[in-house]
PDB file of N, CA and C in Angstrom:
ATOM      1  N   UNK A   1      11.079   7.524  86.875  1.00  0.00           N
ATOM      2  CA  UNK A   1      11.265   8.631  86.089  1.00  0.00           C
ATOM      3  C   UNK A   1      10.269   9.578  86.810  1.00  0.00           C
ATOM      4  N   UNK A   2      10.840  10.938  86.936  1.00  0.00           N
ATOM      5  CA  UNK A   2      10.165  12.005  87.373  1.00  0.00           C
ATOM      6  C   UNK A   2       9.216  12.503  86.384  1.00  0.00           C
ATOM      7  N   UNK A   3       8.080  13.290  86.773  1.00  0.00           N
ATOM      8  CA  UNK A   3       7.382  13.780  85.875  1.00  0.00           C
ATOM      9  C   UNK A   3       7.917  14.955  84.951  1.00  0.00           C
ATOM     10  N   UNK A   4       8.727  15.623  85.517  1.00  0.00           N
ATOM     11  CA  UNK A   4       9.455  16.601  84.897  1.00  0.00           C
ATOM     12  C   UNK A   4      10.329  16.100  83.706  1.00  0.00           C
ATOM     13  N   UNK A   5      10.858  14.918  84.103  1.00  0.00           N
ATOM     14  CA  UNK A   5      11.893  14.243  83.042  1.00  0.00           C
ATOM     15  C   UNK A   5      11.076  13.600  81.994  1.00  0.00           C
ATOM     16  N   UNK A   6      10.175  13.275  82.512  1.00  0.00           N
ATOM     17  CA  UNK A   6       8.953  12.602  81.530  1.00  0.00           C
ATOM     18  C   UNK A   6       8.525  13.524  80.496  1.00  0.00           C
ATOM     19  N   UNK A   7       8.237  14.748  80.905  1.00  0.00           N
ATOM     20  CA  UNK A   7       7.650  15.993  80.060  1.00  0.00           C
ATOM     21  C   UNK A   7       8.813  16.352  79.128  1.00  0.00           C
ATOM     22  N   UNK A   8       9.924  16.519  79.678  1.00  0.00           N
ATOM     23  CA  UNK A   8      11.042  17.035  79.058  1.00  0.00           C
ATOM     24  C   UNK A   8      11.430  16.113  77.680  1.00  0.00           C
ATOM     25  N   UNK A   9      11.549  14.617  78.126  1.00  0.00           N
ATOM     26  CA  UNK A   9      11.456  13.553  77.249  1.00  0.00           C
ATOM     27  C   UNK A   9      10.503  13.520  75.935  1.00  0.00           C
ATOM     28  N   UNK A  10       9.187  13.764  76.480  1.00  0.00           N
ATOM     29  CA  UNK A  10       8.052  13.936  75.521  1.00  0.00           C
ATOM     30  C   UNK A  10       8.495  15.037  74.446  1.00  0.00           C
ATOM     31  N   UNK A  11       8.756  16.291  75.039  1.00  0.00           N
ATOM     32  CA  UNK A  11       9.057  17.280  74.214  1.00  0.00           C
ATOM     33  C   UNK A  11      10.234  17.148  73.259  1.00  0.00           C
ATOM     34  N   UNK A  12      11.123  16.631  73.630  1.00  0.00           N
ATOM     35  CA  UNK A  12      12.501  16.187  72.949  1.00  0.00           C
ATOM     36  C   UNK A  12      11.876  15.335  71.757  1.00  0.00           C
ATOM     37  N   UNK A  13      11.190  14.496  71.888  1.00  0.00           N
ATOM     38  CA  UNK A  13      10.558  13.406  70.985  1.00  0.00           C
ATOM     39  C   UNK A  13       9.801  14.161  69.771  1.00  0.00           C
ATOM     40  N   UNK A  14       8.987  15.098  70.460  1.00  0.00           N
ATOM     41  CA  UNK A  14       8.115  15.928  69.582  1.00  0.00           C
ATOM     42  C   UNK A  14       9.006  16.634  68.630  1.00  0.00           C
ATOM     43  N   UNK A  15      10.007  17.234  69.232  1.00  0.00           N
ATOM     44  CA  UNK A  15      10.867  18.101  68.329  1.00  0.00           C
ATOM     45  C   UNK A  15      11.873  17.151  67.277  1.00  0.00           C
ATOM     46  N   UNK A  16      12.141  16.179  67.517  1.00  0.00           N
ATOM     47  CA  UNK A  16      12.858  15.147  66.768  1.00  0.00           C
ATOM     48  C   UNK A  16      11.799  14.811  65.810  1.00  0.00           C
ATOM     49  N   UNK A  17      10.458  14.503  66.033  1.00  0.00           N
ATOM     50  CA  UNK A  17       9.580  14.132  64.942  1.00  0.00           C
ATOM     51  C   UNK A  17       9.298  15.436  64.077  1.00  0.00           C
ATOM     52  N   UNK A  18       9.221  16.607  64.541  1.00  0.00           N
ATOM     53  CA  UNK A  18       9.063  17.476  63.825  1.00  0.00           C
ATOM     54  C   UNK A  18      10.378  17.841  62.737  1.00  0.00           C
ATOM     55  N   UNK A  19      11.601  17.640  63.303  1.00  0.00           N
ATOM     56  CA  UNK A  19      12.628  17.814  62.405  1.00  0.00           C
ATOM     57  C   UNK A  19      12.880  16.757  61.357  1.00  0.00           C
ATOM     58  N   UNK A  20      12.367  15.571  61.621  1.00  0.00           N
ATOM     59  CA  UNK A  20      12.132  14.471  60.685  1.00  0.00           C
ATOM     60  C   UNK A  20      11.354  14.717  59.607  1.00  0.00           C
ATOM     61  N   UNK A  21       9.947  15.092  59.902  1.00  0.00           N
ATOM     62  CA  UNK A  21       9.027  15.609  59.111  1.00  0.00           C
ATOM     63  C   UNK A  21       9.517  16.660  57.831  1.00  0.00           C
ATOM     64  N   UNK A  22      10.385  17.778  58.591  1.00  0.00           N
ATOM     65  CA  UNK A  22      10.691  18.706  57.835  1.00  0.00           C
ATOM     66  C   UNK A  22      12.008  18.244  56.728  1.00  0.00           C
ATOM     67  N   UNK A  23      12.721  17.600  57.412  1.00  0.00           N
ATOM     68  CA  UNK A  23      13.747  16.998  56.542  1.00  0.00           C
ATOM     69  C   UNK A  23      13.155  16.280  55.208  1.00  0.00           C
ATOM     70  N   UNK A  24      12.039  15.424  55.746  1.00  0.00           N
ATOM     71  CA  UNK A  24      11.404  14.607  54.492  1.00  0.00           C
ATOM     72  C   UNK A  24      10.823  15.705  53.526  1.00  0.00           C
ATOM     73  N   UNK A  25       9.978  16.834  54.046  1.00  0.00           N
ATOM     74  CA  UNK A  25       9.546  17.722  53.383  1.00  0.00           C
ATOM     75  C   UNK A  25      10.628  18.529  52.190  1.00  0.00           C
ATOM     76  N   UNK A  26      11.656  18.851  52.753  1.00  0.00           N
ATOM     77  CA  UNK A  26      12.785  19.498  52.114  1.00  0.00           C
ATOM     78  C   UNK A  26      13.420  18.381  50.846  1.00  0.00           C
ATOM     79  N   UNK A  27      13.498  17.242  51.285  1.00  0.00           N
ATOM     80  CA  UNK A  27      14.110  16.256  50.315  1.00  0.00           C
ATOM     81  C   UNK A  27      12.748  16.002  49.381  1.00  0.00           C
ATOM     82  N   UNK A  28      11.647  16.327  49.439  1.00  0.00           N
ATOM     83  CA  UNK A  28      10.475  16.094  48.587  1.00  0.00           C
ATOM     84  C   UNK A  28      10.285  17.616  47.871  1.00  0.00           C
ATOM     85  N   UNK A  29      10.965  18.549  48.326  1.00  0.00           N
ATOM     86  CA  UNK A  29      10.767  19.753  47.663  1.00  0.00           C
ATOM     87  C   UNK A  29       9.570  20.559  47.999  1.00  0.00           C
ATOM     88  N   UNK A  30       8.995  20.211  49.120  1.00  0.00           N
ATOM     89  CA  UNK A  30       8.069  20.944  49.689  1.00  0.00           C
ATOM     90  C   UNK A  30       8.508  22.070  50.474  1.00  0.00           C
ATOM     91  N   UNK A  31       7.962  23.318  50.178  1.00  0.00           N
ATOM     92  CA  UNK A  31       8.436  24.319  50.901  1.00  0.00           C
ATOM     93  C   UNK A  31       7.504  25.250  51.748  1.00  0.00           C
ATOM     94  N   UNK A  32       7.786  25.925  52.834  1.00  0.00           N
ATOM     95  CA  UNK A  32       7.127  26.525  53.757  1.00  0.00           C
ATOM     96  C   UNK A  32       7.517  28.086  53.644  1.00  0.00           C
ATOM     97  N   UNK A  33       6.464  29.026  53.850  1.00  0.00           N
ATOM     98  CA  UNK A  33       6.750  30.345  53.871  1.00  0.00           C
ATOM     99  C   UNK A  33       7.462  30.786  55.132  1.00  0.00           C
ATOM    100  N   UNK A  34       8.656  31.433  55.181  1.00  0.00           N
ATOM    101  CA  UNK A  34       9.485  31.705  56.219  1.00  0.00           C
ATOM    102  C   UNK A  34       8.410  32.419  57.482  1.00  0.00           C
ATOM    103  N   UNK A  35       7.646  33.209  56.978  1.00  0.00           N
ATOM    104  CA  UNK A  35       6.725  33.879  58.040  1.00  0.00           C
ATOM    105  C   UNK A  35       5.931  32.855  58.795  1.00  0.00           C
ATOM    106  N   UNK A  36       5.277  31.908  57.986  1.00  0.00           N
ATOM    107  CA  UNK A  36       4.436  30.971  58.607  1.00  0.00           C
ATOM    108  C   UNK A  36       5.292  29.736  59.520  1.00  0.00           C
ATOM    109  N   UNK A  37       6.303  29.663  59.262  1.00  0.00           N
ATOM    110  CA  UNK A  37       7.131  28.874  59.884  1.00  0.00           C
ATOM    111  C   UNK A  37       7.570  29.663  61.349  1.00  0.00           C
ATOM    112  N   UNK A  38       7.882  30.977  61.208  1.00  0.00           N
ATOM    113  CA  UNK A  38       8.078  31.804  62.528  1.00  0.00           C
ATOM    114  C   UNK A  38       6.635  31.629  63.313  1.00  0.00           C
ATOM    115  N   UNK A  39       5.663  31.987  62.720  1.00  0.00           N
ATOM    116  CA  UNK A  39       4.543  32.093  63.463  1.00  0.00           C
ATOM    117  C   UNK A  39       4.162  30.681  64.068  1.00  0.00           C
ATOM    118  N   UNK A  40       4.468  29.891  63.395  1.00  0.00           N
ATOM    119  CA  UNK A  40       4.078  28.530  64.057  1.00  0.00           C
ATOM    120  C   UNK A  40       5.052  28.362  65.247  1.00  0.00           C
ATOM    121  N   UNK A  41       6.345  28.630  65.275  1.00  0.00           N
ATOM    122  CA  UNK A  41       7.179  28.539  66.278  1.00  0.00           C
ATOM    123  C   UNK A  41       7.028  29.472  67.324  1.00  0.00           C
ATOM    124  N   UNK A  42       6.293  30.501  67.324  1.00  0.00           N
ATOM    125  CA  UNK A  42       5.777  31.261  68.429  1.00  0.00           C
ATOM    126  C   UNK A  42       4.619  30.824  68.914  1.00  0.00           C
ATOM    127  N   UNK A  43       3.867  29.991  68.389  1.00  0.00           N
ATOM    128  CA  UNK A  43       2.485  29.514  69.114  1.00  0.00           C
ATOM    129  C   UNK A  43       3.052  28.634  70.250  1.00  0.00           C
ATOM    130  N   UNK A  44       2.420  28.710  71.057  1.00  0.00           N
ATOM    131  CA  UNK A  44       2.414  28.027  72.503  1.00  0.00           C
ATOM    132  C   UNK A  44       2.091  26.706  72.250  1.00  0.00           C
ATOM    133  N   UNK A  45       2.557  25.716  72.855  1.00  0.00           N
ATOM    134  CA  UNK A  45       2.217  24.361  72.851  1.00  0.00           C
ATOM    135  C   UNK A  45       0.910  24.210  73.755  1.00  0.00           C
ATOM    136  N   UNK A  46       0.084  23.119  73.606  1.00  0.00           N
ATOM    137  CA  UNK A  46      -0.901  22.750  74.558  1.00  0.00           C
ATOM    138  C   UNK A  46      -0.408  22.772  75.849  1.00  0.00           C
ATOM    139  N   UNK A  47       0.654  22.167  76.289  1.00  0.00           N
ATOM    140  CA  UNK A  47       1.141  21.936  77.641  1.00  0.00           C
ATOM    141  C   UNK A  47       1.479  23.433  78.310  1.00  0.00           C
ATOM    142  N   UNK A  48       1.831  24.392  77.548  1.00  0.00           N
ATOM    143  CA  UNK A  48       2.082  25.488  77.928  1.00  0.00           C
ATOM    144  C   UNK A  48       0.864  26.328  78.213  1.00  0.00           C
ATOM    145  N   UNK A  49      -0.200  25.923  77.705  1.00  0.00           N
ATOM    146  CA  UNK A  49      -1.593  26.790  77.815  1.00  0.00           C
ATOM    147  C   UNK A  49      -2.196  26.144  79.225  1.00  0.00           C
ATOM    148  N   UNK A  50      -1.678  25.145  79.732  1.00  0.00           N
ATOM    149  CA  UNK A  50      -2.290  24.684  80.973  1.00  0.00           C
ATOM    150  C   UNK A  50      -1.829  25.206  82.197  1.00  0.00           C
TER     151      UNK A  50
END
């Protein structure tokens, strides 16, 4: 497996974990402010800062 493929796979796993967490939060009735969500989405990942 190439390094690029491994990084993409890791990123995809992180996205899936985040989606699962958000789904669980929605089911639990936990909400987040849209502005906070959009700000977090715009923040660079640690890997992007390297």
